[in-house]
Amino acid sequence: MRRRSTSRGTVLPIVLLLAAMILVTASAWLQTSLVAARTTVAARERIQAFHAADSALIRCSRMLSAALPATGSANQEPARWRSKASFEGASAVAMAPFAAWPYAMRAPQCLIEAWARADQSSAASYLVTARGFGAQPQTEAWLQVRIDSTNSGIAQHWRRVVAKPF
């Protein structure tokens, strides 16, 4: 009986310490899973916007007619795609090649600009800019393709716009 009375108060602190350790570990796992879930959603949003912009770019490139004459100053890249007014508002000249896009807040847009190039007098060049959206308002992807049409054929030069231009 004497042994029991001396060890009577040691079990409770050990159990409380183990419970606290389990609680801290579970909390850390929960926090890690929340961060992973947010990262996954953000990646899905960027991929959604990229595919919307890519599809709009392909469709607008196909819609582009090589018969249109190129205008503008020689060798200077068109700059209307950098203007917010070209994509939004009453004076917007960008078109939506699709009526809607699944899981996106808006349908993708594209803008076709003629590009006069001094180094290729017999070629007609165009800059096609596409903008795709994700489900969140801040998620956008911008893609561009320069299409050069010459007597020998059509060449496409693709590029991704890293940052939103406006």
N, C-alpha and C. Protein backbone atom coordinates (compact mmCIF):
# COMPACT_ATOMS: atom_id res chain seq x y z
N MET A 1 0.80 -1.21 0.00
CA MET A 1 0.00 0.00 0.00
C MET A 1 0.84 1.27 0.00
N ARG A 2 1.99 1.17 0.55
CA ARG A 2 2.82 2.34 0.62
C ARG A 2 3.26 2.81 -0.76
N ARG A 3 3.57 1.93 -1.65
CA ARG A 3 3.99 2.31 -2.99
C ARG A 3 2.89 3.05 -3.75
N ARG A 4 1.70 2.61 -3.62
CA ARG A 4 0.59 3.24 -4.31
C ARG A 4 0.38 4.69 -3.90
N SER A 5 0.54 5.00 -2.71
CA SER A 5 0.32 6.36 -2.23
C SER A 5 1.41 7.31 -2.72
N THR A 6 2.60 6.85 -2.96
CA THR A 6 3.66 7.74 -3.44
C THR A 6 3.58 8.00 -4.94
N SER A 7 3.00 7.09 -5.73
CA SER A 7 2.93 7.27 -7.18
C SER A 7 1.57 7.76 -7.65
N ARG A 8 0.74 8.10 -6.76
CA ARG A 8 -0.62 8.47 -7.10
C ARG A 8 -0.71 9.74 -7.95
N GLY A 9 0.06 10.75 -7.82
CA GLY A 9 -0.07 12.02 -8.55
C GLY A 9 0.78 12.12 -9.80
N THR A 10 1.53 11.10 -10.19
CA THR A 10 2.43 11.21 -11.35
C THR A 10 1.76 10.85 -12.67
N VAL A 11 0.70 10.13 -12.67
CA VAL A 11 0.06 9.69 -13.90
C VAL A 11 -0.65 10.85 -14.61
N LEU A 12 -1.31 11.69 -13.89
CA LEU A 12 -2.06 12.79 -14.49
C LEU A 12 -1.17 13.76 -15.28
N PRO A 13 -0.05 14.21 -14.77
CA PRO A 13 0.80 15.10 -15.59
C PRO A 13 1.34 14.41 -16.84
N ILE A 14 1.64 13.12 -16.75
CA ILE A 14 2.13 12.40 -17.92
C ILE A 14 1.04 12.33 -18.98
N VAL A 15 -0.17 12.02 -18.60
CA VAL A 15 -1.30 11.95 -19.55
C VAL A 15 -1.57 13.33 -20.15
N LEU A 16 -1.54 14.38 -19.35
CA LEU A 16 -1.76 15.73 -19.86
C LEU A 16 -0.65 16.15 -20.84
N LEU A 17 0.59 15.76 -20.54
CA LEU A 17 1.69 16.07 -21.44
C LEU A 17 1.54 15.35 -22.77
N LEU A 18 1.16 14.09 -22.75
CA LEU A 18 0.93 13.32 -23.98
C LEU A 18 -0.24 13.91 -24.78
N ALA A 19 -1.31 14.29 -24.10
CA ALA A 19 -2.46 14.89 -24.79
C ALA A 19 -2.07 16.22 -25.43
N ALA A 20 -1.26 17.03 -24.75
CA ALA A 20 -0.81 18.30 -25.32
C ALA A 20 0.08 18.06 -26.54
N MET A 21 0.95 17.07 -26.49
CA MET A 21 1.80 16.75 -27.63
C MET A 21 0.97 16.31 -28.84
N ILE A 22 -0.04 15.49 -28.61
CA ILE A 22 -0.91 15.03 -29.69
C ILE A 22 -1.70 16.22 -30.27
N LEU A 23 -2.16 17.11 -29.41
CA LEU A 23 -2.89 18.29 -29.87
C LEU A 23 -2.01 19.21 -30.71
N VAL A 24 -0.78 19.43 -30.30
CA VAL A 24 0.14 20.27 -31.08
C VAL A 24 0.45 19.63 -32.42
N THR A 25 0.67 18.33 -32.44
CA THR A 25 0.95 17.62 -33.69
C THR A 25 -0.25 17.68 -34.64
N ALA A 26 -1.44 17.47 -34.12
CA ALA A 26 -2.65 17.54 -34.95
C ALA A 26 -2.84 18.96 -35.49
N SER A 27 -2.56 19.96 -34.70
CA SER A 27 -2.68 21.34 -35.14
C SER A 27 -1.68 21.65 -36.27
N ALA A 28 -0.47 21.16 -36.15
CA ALA A 28 0.53 21.36 -37.19
C ALA A 28 0.11 20.66 -38.49
N TRP A 29 -0.42 19.46 -38.40
CA TRP A 29 -0.90 18.75 -39.59
C TRP A 29 -2.04 19.49 -40.26
N LEU A 30 -2.95 20.01 -39.45
CA LEU A 30 -4.07 20.77 -39.99
C LEU A 30 -3.58 22.02 -40.73
N GLN A 31 -2.64 22.73 -40.12
CA GLN A 31 -2.10 23.93 -40.76
C GLN A 31 -1.40 23.58 -42.07
N THR A 32 -0.65 22.48 -42.09
CA THR A 32 0.03 22.05 -43.30
C THR A 32 -0.96 21.69 -44.39
N SER A 33 -2.05 21.01 -44.02
CA SER A 33 -3.05 20.66 -45.04
C SER A 33 -3.78 21.88 -45.57
N LEU A 34 -4.01 22.88 -44.73
CA LEU A 34 -4.65 24.10 -45.22
C LEU A 34 -3.75 24.85 -46.20
N VAL A 35 -2.47 24.93 -45.93
CA VAL A 35 -1.53 25.58 -46.84
C VAL A 35 -1.46 24.81 -48.16
N ALA A 36 -1.43 23.48 -48.08
CA ALA A 36 -1.39 22.67 -49.30
C ALA A 36 -2.66 22.85 -50.12
N ALA A 37 -3.81 22.94 -49.46
CA ALA A 37 -5.07 23.14 -50.17
C ALA A 37 -5.11 24.49 -50.86
N ARG A 38 -4.64 25.53 -50.19
CA ARG A 38 -4.60 26.86 -50.81
C ARG A 38 -3.66 26.89 -52.00
N THR A 39 -2.52 26.24 -51.88
CA THR A 39 -1.56 26.18 -52.98
C THR A 39 -2.16 25.45 -54.17
N THR A 40 -2.86 24.37 -53.92
CA THR A 40 -3.49 23.60 -54.98
C THR A 40 -4.56 24.42 -55.70
N VAL A 41 -5.37 25.14 -54.95
CA VAL A 41 -6.42 25.97 -55.56
C VAL A 41 -5.79 27.08 -56.40
N ALA A 42 -4.72 27.71 -55.91
CA ALA A 42 -4.07 28.77 -56.66
C ALA A 42 -3.45 28.23 -57.96
N ALA A 43 -2.85 27.06 -57.89
CA ALA A 43 -2.28 26.45 -59.10
C ALA A 43 -3.38 26.10 -60.10
N ARG A 44 -4.49 25.58 -59.61
CA ARG A 44 -5.61 25.25 -60.49
C ARG A 44 -6.15 26.51 -61.16
N GLU A 45 -6.23 27.61 -60.42
CA GLU A 45 -6.70 28.87 -60.98
C GLU A 45 -5.78 29.36 -62.09
N ARG A 46 -4.46 29.30 -61.85
CA ARG A 46 -3.50 29.75 -62.87
C ARG A 46 -3.58 28.88 -64.12
N ILE A 47 -3.73 27.58 -63.94
CA ILE A 47 -3.83 26.68 -65.08
C ILE A 47 -5.13 26.93 -65.85
N GLN A 48 -6.20 27.19 -65.13
CA GLN A 48 -7.50 27.49 -65.77
C GLN A 48 -7.38 28.75 -66.62
N ALA A 49 -6.78 29.79 -66.07
CA ALA A 49 -6.62 31.04 -66.82
C ALA A 49 -5.69 30.85 -68.01
N PHE A 50 -4.63 30.07 -67.84
CA PHE A 50 -3.70 29.81 -68.94
C PHE A 50 -4.39 29.09 -70.09
N HIS A 51 -5.17 28.07 -69.78
CA HIS A 51 -5.87 27.32 -70.84
C HIS A 51 -6.93 28.18 -71.53
N ALA A 52 -7.58 29.04 -70.78
CA ALA A 52 -8.56 29.94 -71.40
C ALA A 52 -7.86 30.89 -72.38
N ALA A 53 -6.74 31.46 -71.95
CA ALA A 53 -5.99 32.37 -72.82
C ALA A 53 -5.42 31.63 -74.03
N ASP A 54 -4.93 30.42 -73.81
CA ASP A 54 -4.37 29.63 -74.91
C ASP A 54 -5.44 29.29 -75.94
N SER A 55 -6.61 28.91 -75.48
CA SER A 55 -7.70 28.59 -76.42
C SER A 55 -8.15 29.83 -77.19
N ALA A 56 -8.24 30.97 -76.50
CA ALA A 56 -8.61 32.21 -77.19
C ALA A 56 -7.54 32.60 -78.20
N LEU A 57 -6.29 32.40 -77.85
CA LEU A 57 -5.20 32.73 -78.77
C LEU A 57 -5.25 31.86 -80.02
N ILE A 58 -5.49 30.58 -79.85
CA ILE A 58 -5.59 29.67 -81.00
C ILE A 58 -6.78 30.04 -81.87
N ARG A 59 -7.91 30.29 -81.24
CA ARG A 59 -9.12 30.60 -82.02
C ARG A 59 -8.98 31.93 -82.75
N CYS A 60 -8.44 32.93 -82.10
CA CYS A 60 -8.28 34.24 -82.76
C CYS A 60 -7.23 34.17 -83.85
N SER A 61 -6.20 33.37 -83.65
CA SER A 61 -5.19 33.20 -84.71
C SER A 61 -5.79 32.57 -85.94
N ARG A 62 -6.68 31.61 -85.72
CA ARG A 62 -7.35 30.98 -86.86
C ARG A 62 -8.31 31.93 -87.55
N MET A 63 -8.90 32.84 -86.78
CA MET A 63 -9.85 33.79 -87.34
C MET A 63 -9.16 34.90 -88.13
N LEU A 64 -7.88 35.07 -87.88
CA LEU A 64 -7.15 36.15 -88.51
C LEU A 64 -7.00 35.92 -90.01
N SER A 65 -7.36 36.90 -90.76
CA SER A 65 -7.25 36.79 -92.22
C SER A 65 -5.93 37.39 -92.66
N ALA A 66 -5.19 36.67 -93.50
CA ALA A 66 -3.90 37.16 -94.00
C ALA A 66 -4.08 38.26 -95.05
N ALA A 67 -5.30 38.51 -95.50
CA ALA A 67 -5.53 39.50 -96.55
C ALA A 67 -5.54 40.93 -96.00
N LEU A 68 -5.63 41.09 -94.69
CA LEU A 68 -5.67 42.43 -94.13
C LEU A 68 -4.30 43.09 -94.26
N PRO A 69 -4.26 44.35 -94.71
CA PRO A 69 -2.96 45.03 -94.83
C PRO A 69 -2.43 45.44 -93.46
N ALA A 70 -1.14 45.36 -93.30
CA ALA A 70 -0.50 45.80 -92.05
C ALA A 70 -0.33 47.31 -92.09
N THR A 71 -0.66 47.95 -90.97
CA THR A 71 -0.50 49.39 -90.87
C THR A 71 0.26 49.70 -89.60
N GLY A 72 0.76 50.90 -89.52
CA GLY A 72 1.50 51.31 -88.33
C GLY A 72 2.91 51.68 -88.69
N SER A 73 3.65 52.13 -87.69
CA SER A 73 5.02 52.54 -87.96
C SER A 73 5.91 51.31 -88.07
N ALA A 74 6.90 51.41 -88.90
CA ALA A 74 7.75 50.27 -89.24
C ALA A 74 8.52 49.77 -88.03
N ASN A 75 8.51 48.46 -87.85
CA ASN A 75 9.28 47.74 -86.83
C ASN A 75 8.91 48.08 -85.40
N GLN A 76 7.88 48.84 -85.17
CA GLN A 76 7.49 49.15 -83.81
C GLN A 76 6.38 48.19 -83.39
N GLU A 77 6.57 47.55 -82.26
CA GLU A 77 5.57 46.59 -81.78
C GLU A 77 4.27 47.31 -81.46
N PRO A 78 3.13 46.73 -81.84
CA PRO A 78 1.85 47.35 -81.50
C PRO A 78 1.71 47.46 -79.98
N ALA A 79 1.07 48.51 -79.53
CA ALA A 79 0.99 48.76 -78.09
C ALA A 79 -0.43 48.84 -77.56
N ARG A 80 -1.43 48.64 -78.40
CA ARG A 80 -2.81 48.73 -77.90
C ARG A 80 -3.11 47.66 -76.86
N TRP A 81 -2.40 46.53 -76.90
CA TRP A 81 -2.66 45.46 -75.95
C TRP A 81 -2.24 45.84 -74.54
N ARG A 82 -1.42 46.87 -74.40
CA ARG A 82 -0.98 47.32 -73.08
C ARG A 82 -2.00 48.26 -72.43
N SER A 83 -3.02 48.66 -73.17
CA SER A 83 -4.01 49.61 -72.69
C SER A 83 -5.24 48.88 -72.13
N LYS A 84 -5.66 49.27 -70.96
CA LYS A 84 -6.84 48.68 -70.35
C LYS A 84 -8.09 48.97 -71.17
N ALA A 85 -8.11 50.13 -71.82
CA ALA A 85 -9.28 50.52 -72.62
C ALA A 85 -9.48 49.61 -73.83
N SER A 86 -8.44 48.92 -74.27
CA SER A 86 -8.59 47.99 -75.40
C SER A 86 -9.36 46.74 -75.00
N PHE A 87 -9.37 46.42 -73.70
CA PHE A 87 -10.02 45.20 -73.23
C PHE A 87 -11.29 45.45 -72.43
N GLU A 88 -11.41 46.61 -71.83
CA GLU A 88 -12.56 46.88 -70.95
C GLU A 88 -13.15 48.23 -71.26
N GLY A 89 -14.44 48.37 -71.04
CA GLY A 89 -15.12 49.65 -71.21
C GLY A 89 -15.82 49.76 -72.55
N ALA A 90 -16.36 50.93 -72.80
CA ALA A 90 -17.16 51.17 -74.01
C ALA A 90 -16.31 51.18 -75.27
N SER A 91 -15.04 51.56 -75.16
CA SER A 91 -14.18 51.64 -76.35
C SER A 91 -13.35 50.38 -76.56
N ALA A 92 -13.71 49.29 -75.91
CA ALA A 92 -12.94 48.05 -76.01
C ALA A 92 -13.01 47.47 -77.42
N VAL A 93 -11.87 47.10 -77.96
CA VAL A 93 -11.82 46.51 -79.29
C VAL A 93 -11.51 45.01 -79.22
N ALA A 94 -11.20 44.51 -78.04
CA ALA A 94 -10.94 43.08 -77.88
C ALA A 94 -12.25 42.32 -78.02
N MET A 95 -12.14 41.12 -78.56
CA MET A 95 -13.35 40.31 -78.74
C MET A 95 -13.27 39.06 -77.86
N ALA A 96 -14.42 38.50 -77.60
CA ALA A 96 -14.51 37.26 -76.84
C ALA A 96 -14.83 36.14 -77.83
N PRO A 97 -13.85 35.31 -78.15
CA PRO A 97 -14.09 34.27 -79.15
C PRO A 97 -15.01 33.15 -78.66
N PHE A 98 -15.26 33.09 -77.36
CA PHE A 98 -16.18 32.11 -76.78
C PHE A 98 -17.23 32.87 -75.98
N ALA A 99 -18.44 32.39 -76.00
CA ALA A 99 -19.51 33.04 -75.25
C ALA A 99 -19.29 32.93 -73.75
N ALA A 100 -18.77 31.80 -73.31
CA ALA A 100 -18.49 31.57 -71.89
C ALA A 100 -17.34 30.58 -71.78
N TRP A 101 -16.76 30.51 -70.60
CA TRP A 101 -15.68 29.56 -70.36
C TRP A 101 -15.98 28.87 -69.03
N PRO A 102 -15.96 27.53 -68.99
CA PRO A 102 -16.34 26.83 -67.77
C PRO A 102 -15.41 27.14 -66.60
N TYR A 103 -15.99 27.35 -65.44
CA TYR A 103 -15.29 27.58 -64.17
C TYR A 103 -14.49 28.88 -64.15
N ALA A 104 -14.73 29.77 -65.08
CA ALA A 104 -14.02 31.05 -65.09
C ALA A 104 -14.99 32.18 -64.79
N MET A 105 -14.47 33.26 -64.23
CA MET A 105 -15.35 34.38 -63.91
C MET A 105 -15.78 35.14 -65.16
N ARG A 106 -14.98 35.08 -66.23
CA ARG A 106 -15.30 35.74 -67.50
C ARG A 106 -14.80 34.88 -68.64
N ALA A 107 -15.39 35.12 -69.81
CA ALA A 107 -14.91 34.44 -71.01
C ALA A 107 -13.57 35.06 -71.43
N PRO A 108 -12.69 34.29 -72.04
CA PRO A 108 -11.40 34.84 -72.47
C PRO A 108 -11.59 35.87 -73.58
N GLN A 109 -10.61 36.75 -73.72
CA GLN A 109 -10.65 37.81 -74.73
C GLN A 109 -9.40 37.73 -75.59
N CYS A 110 -9.50 38.31 -76.79
CA CYS A 110 -8.30 38.43 -77.62
C CYS A 110 -8.36 39.74 -78.41
N LEU A 111 -7.19 40.21 -78.77
CA LEU A 111 -7.03 41.45 -79.51
C LEU A 111 -6.06 41.19 -80.64
N ILE A 112 -6.46 41.56 -81.87
CA ILE A 112 -5.62 41.36 -83.05
C ILE A 112 -5.17 42.73 -83.54
N GLU A 113 -3.84 42.90 -83.65
CA GLU A 113 -3.28 44.17 -84.12
C GLU A 113 -2.36 43.91 -85.30
N ALA A 114 -2.45 44.76 -86.31
CA ALA A 114 -1.53 44.67 -87.45
C ALA A 114 -0.17 45.20 -87.03
N TRP A 115 0.88 44.61 -87.57
CA TRP A 115 2.25 44.98 -87.19
C TRP A 115 3.06 45.16 -88.47
N ALA A 116 3.33 46.40 -88.83
CA ALA A 116 4.15 46.68 -90.01
C ALA A 116 5.61 46.49 -89.63
N ARG A 117 6.32 45.68 -90.39
CA ARG A 117 7.71 45.38 -90.09
C ARG A 117 8.57 45.80 -91.26
N ALA A 118 9.58 46.61 -90.98
CA ALA A 118 10.43 47.15 -92.04
C ALA A 118 11.34 46.08 -92.63
N ASP A 119 11.70 45.07 -91.84
CA ASP A 119 12.63 44.06 -92.33
C ASP A 119 11.97 43.05 -93.26
N GLN A 120 10.64 43.03 -93.31
CA GLN A 120 9.93 42.09 -94.17
C GLN A 120 8.88 42.86 -94.97
N SER A 121 9.30 43.42 -96.09
CA SER A 121 8.37 44.26 -96.86
C SER A 121 7.26 43.45 -97.52
N SER A 122 7.52 42.18 -97.86
CA SER A 122 6.50 41.37 -98.52
C SER A 122 5.66 40.58 -97.53
N ALA A 123 5.88 40.76 -96.25
CA ALA A 123 5.15 39.99 -95.24
C ALA A 123 4.13 40.85 -94.53
N ALA A 124 3.04 40.24 -94.16
CA ALA A 124 2.06 40.88 -93.30
C ALA A 124 2.22 40.26 -91.92
N SER A 125 2.37 41.07 -90.90
CA SER A 125 2.56 40.57 -89.54
C SER A 125 1.44 41.07 -88.65
N TYR A 126 1.05 40.23 -87.72
CA TYR A 126 -0.02 40.56 -86.78
C TYR A 126 0.40 40.11 -85.39
N LEU A 127 -0.03 40.85 -84.39
CA LEU A 127 0.18 40.49 -83.00
C LEU A 127 -1.18 40.15 -82.42
N VAL A 128 -1.32 38.90 -81.98
CA VAL A 128 -2.57 38.45 -81.37
C VAL A 128 -2.31 38.29 -79.88
N THR A 129 -3.07 39.03 -79.06
CA THR A 129 -2.94 38.98 -77.61
C THR A 129 -4.20 38.38 -77.03
N ALA A 130 -4.05 37.40 -76.14
CA ALA A 130 -5.20 36.76 -75.51
C ALA A 130 -5.09 36.88 -74.00
N ARG A 131 -6.24 37.04 -73.36
CA ARG A 131 -6.30 37.16 -71.90
C ARG A 131 -7.32 36.16 -71.40
N GLY A 132 -6.90 35.26 -70.49
CA GLY A 132 -7.79 34.27 -69.91
C GLY A 132 -7.98 34.53 -68.43
N PHE A 133 -9.08 34.06 -67.88
CA PHE A 133 -9.42 34.32 -66.49
C PHE A 133 -9.63 33.01 -65.74
N GLY A 134 -9.43 33.04 -64.44
CA GLY A 134 -9.76 31.93 -63.55
C GLY A 134 -11.06 32.25 -62.84
N ALA A 135 -11.37 31.48 -61.81
CA ALA A 135 -12.60 31.70 -61.06
C ALA A 135 -12.50 32.90 -60.13
N GLN A 136 -11.29 33.29 -59.75
CA GLN A 136 -11.07 34.44 -58.87
C GLN A 136 -10.76 35.67 -59.73
N PRO A 137 -11.18 36.86 -59.31
CA PRO A 137 -10.96 38.06 -60.11
C PRO A 137 -9.48 38.39 -60.36
N GLN A 138 -8.61 38.06 -59.45
CA GLN A 138 -7.20 38.41 -59.60
C GLN A 138 -6.42 37.42 -60.46
N THR A 139 -7.02 36.33 -60.88
CA THR A 139 -6.32 35.33 -61.66
C THR A 139 -6.50 35.60 -63.15
N GLU A 140 -5.41 35.96 -63.81
CA GLU A 140 -5.41 36.21 -65.25
C GLU A 140 -4.15 35.60 -65.85
N ALA A 141 -4.24 35.23 -67.11
CA ALA A 141 -3.07 34.78 -67.86
C ALA A 141 -3.09 35.49 -69.20
N TRP A 142 -1.93 35.93 -69.64
CA TRP A 142 -1.78 36.67 -70.90
C TRP A 142 -0.84 35.90 -71.80
N LEU A 143 -1.26 35.70 -73.04
CA LEU A 143 -0.44 35.04 -74.05
C LEU A 143 -0.45 35.85 -75.33
N GLN A 144 0.62 35.73 -76.11
CA GLN A 144 0.69 36.42 -77.39
C GLN A 144 1.30 35.51 -78.44
N VAL A 145 0.94 35.80 -79.68
CA VAL A 145 1.58 35.15 -80.82
C VAL A 145 1.72 36.19 -81.92
N ARG A 146 2.90 36.21 -82.53
CA ARG A 146 3.11 37.06 -83.70
C ARG A 146 3.00 36.16 -84.92
N ILE A 147 2.15 36.53 -85.85
CA ILE A 147 1.93 35.73 -87.05
C ILE A 147 2.50 36.50 -88.23
N ASP A 148 3.47 35.88 -88.90
CA ASP A 148 4.07 36.47 -90.10
C ASP A 148 3.60 35.67 -91.30
N SER A 149 2.96 36.37 -92.23
CA SER A 149 2.46 35.73 -93.43
C SER A 149 3.29 36.22 -94.62
N THR A 150 4.01 35.31 -95.27
CA THR A 150 4.83 35.65 -96.44
C THR A 150 4.38 34.79 -97.61
N ASN A 151 5.03 34.98 -98.73
CA ASN A 151 4.72 34.17 -99.91
C ASN A 151 5.07 32.70 -99.67
N SER A 152 6.07 32.46 -98.82
CA SER A 152 6.50 31.07 -98.58
C SER A 152 5.68 30.37 -97.51
N GLY A 153 4.85 31.07 -96.76
CA GLY A 153 4.02 30.42 -95.75
C GLY A 153 3.76 31.31 -94.55
N ILE A 154 3.24 30.69 -93.50
CA ILE A 154 2.89 31.41 -92.28
C ILE A 154 3.79 30.91 -91.15
N ALA A 155 4.36 31.84 -90.40
CA ALA A 155 5.19 31.51 -89.25
C ALA A 155 4.56 32.12 -88.00
N GLN A 156 4.56 31.37 -86.91
CA GLN A 156 4.01 31.85 -85.65
C GLN A 156 5.11 31.88 -84.60
N HIS A 157 5.16 32.97 -83.85
CA HIS A 157 6.15 33.15 -82.80
C HIS A 157 5.39 33.41 -81.50
N TRP A 158 5.41 32.45 -80.60
CA TRP A 158 4.61 32.47 -79.38
C TRP A 158 5.40 33.09 -78.25
N ARG A 159 4.70 33.78 -77.34
CA ARG A 159 5.33 34.26 -76.10
C ARG A 159 4.28 34.42 -75.03
N ARG A 160 4.71 34.29 -73.80
CA ARG A 160 3.83 34.47 -72.65
C ARG A 160 4.14 35.81 -72.00
N VAL A 161 3.11 36.58 -71.74
CA VAL A 161 3.28 37.85 -71.05
C VAL A 161 3.32 37.53 -69.57
N VAL A 162 4.43 37.87 -68.93
CA VAL A 162 4.65 37.45 -67.54
C VAL A 162 3.78 38.24 -66.57
N ALA A 163 3.65 39.53 -66.76
CA ALA A 163 2.88 40.36 -65.83
C ALA A 163 1.73 41.04 -66.56
N LYS A 164 0.68 41.31 -65.83
CA LYS A 164 -0.46 42.05 -66.38
C LYS A 164 0.02 43.43 -66.82
N PRO A 165 -0.25 43.83 -68.08
CA PRO A 165 0.33 45.08 -68.58
C PRO A 165 -0.31 46.36 -68.05
N PHE A 166 -1.45 46.28 -67.42
CA PHE A 166 -2.07 47.50 -66.87
C PHE A 166 -2.62 47.22 -65.50
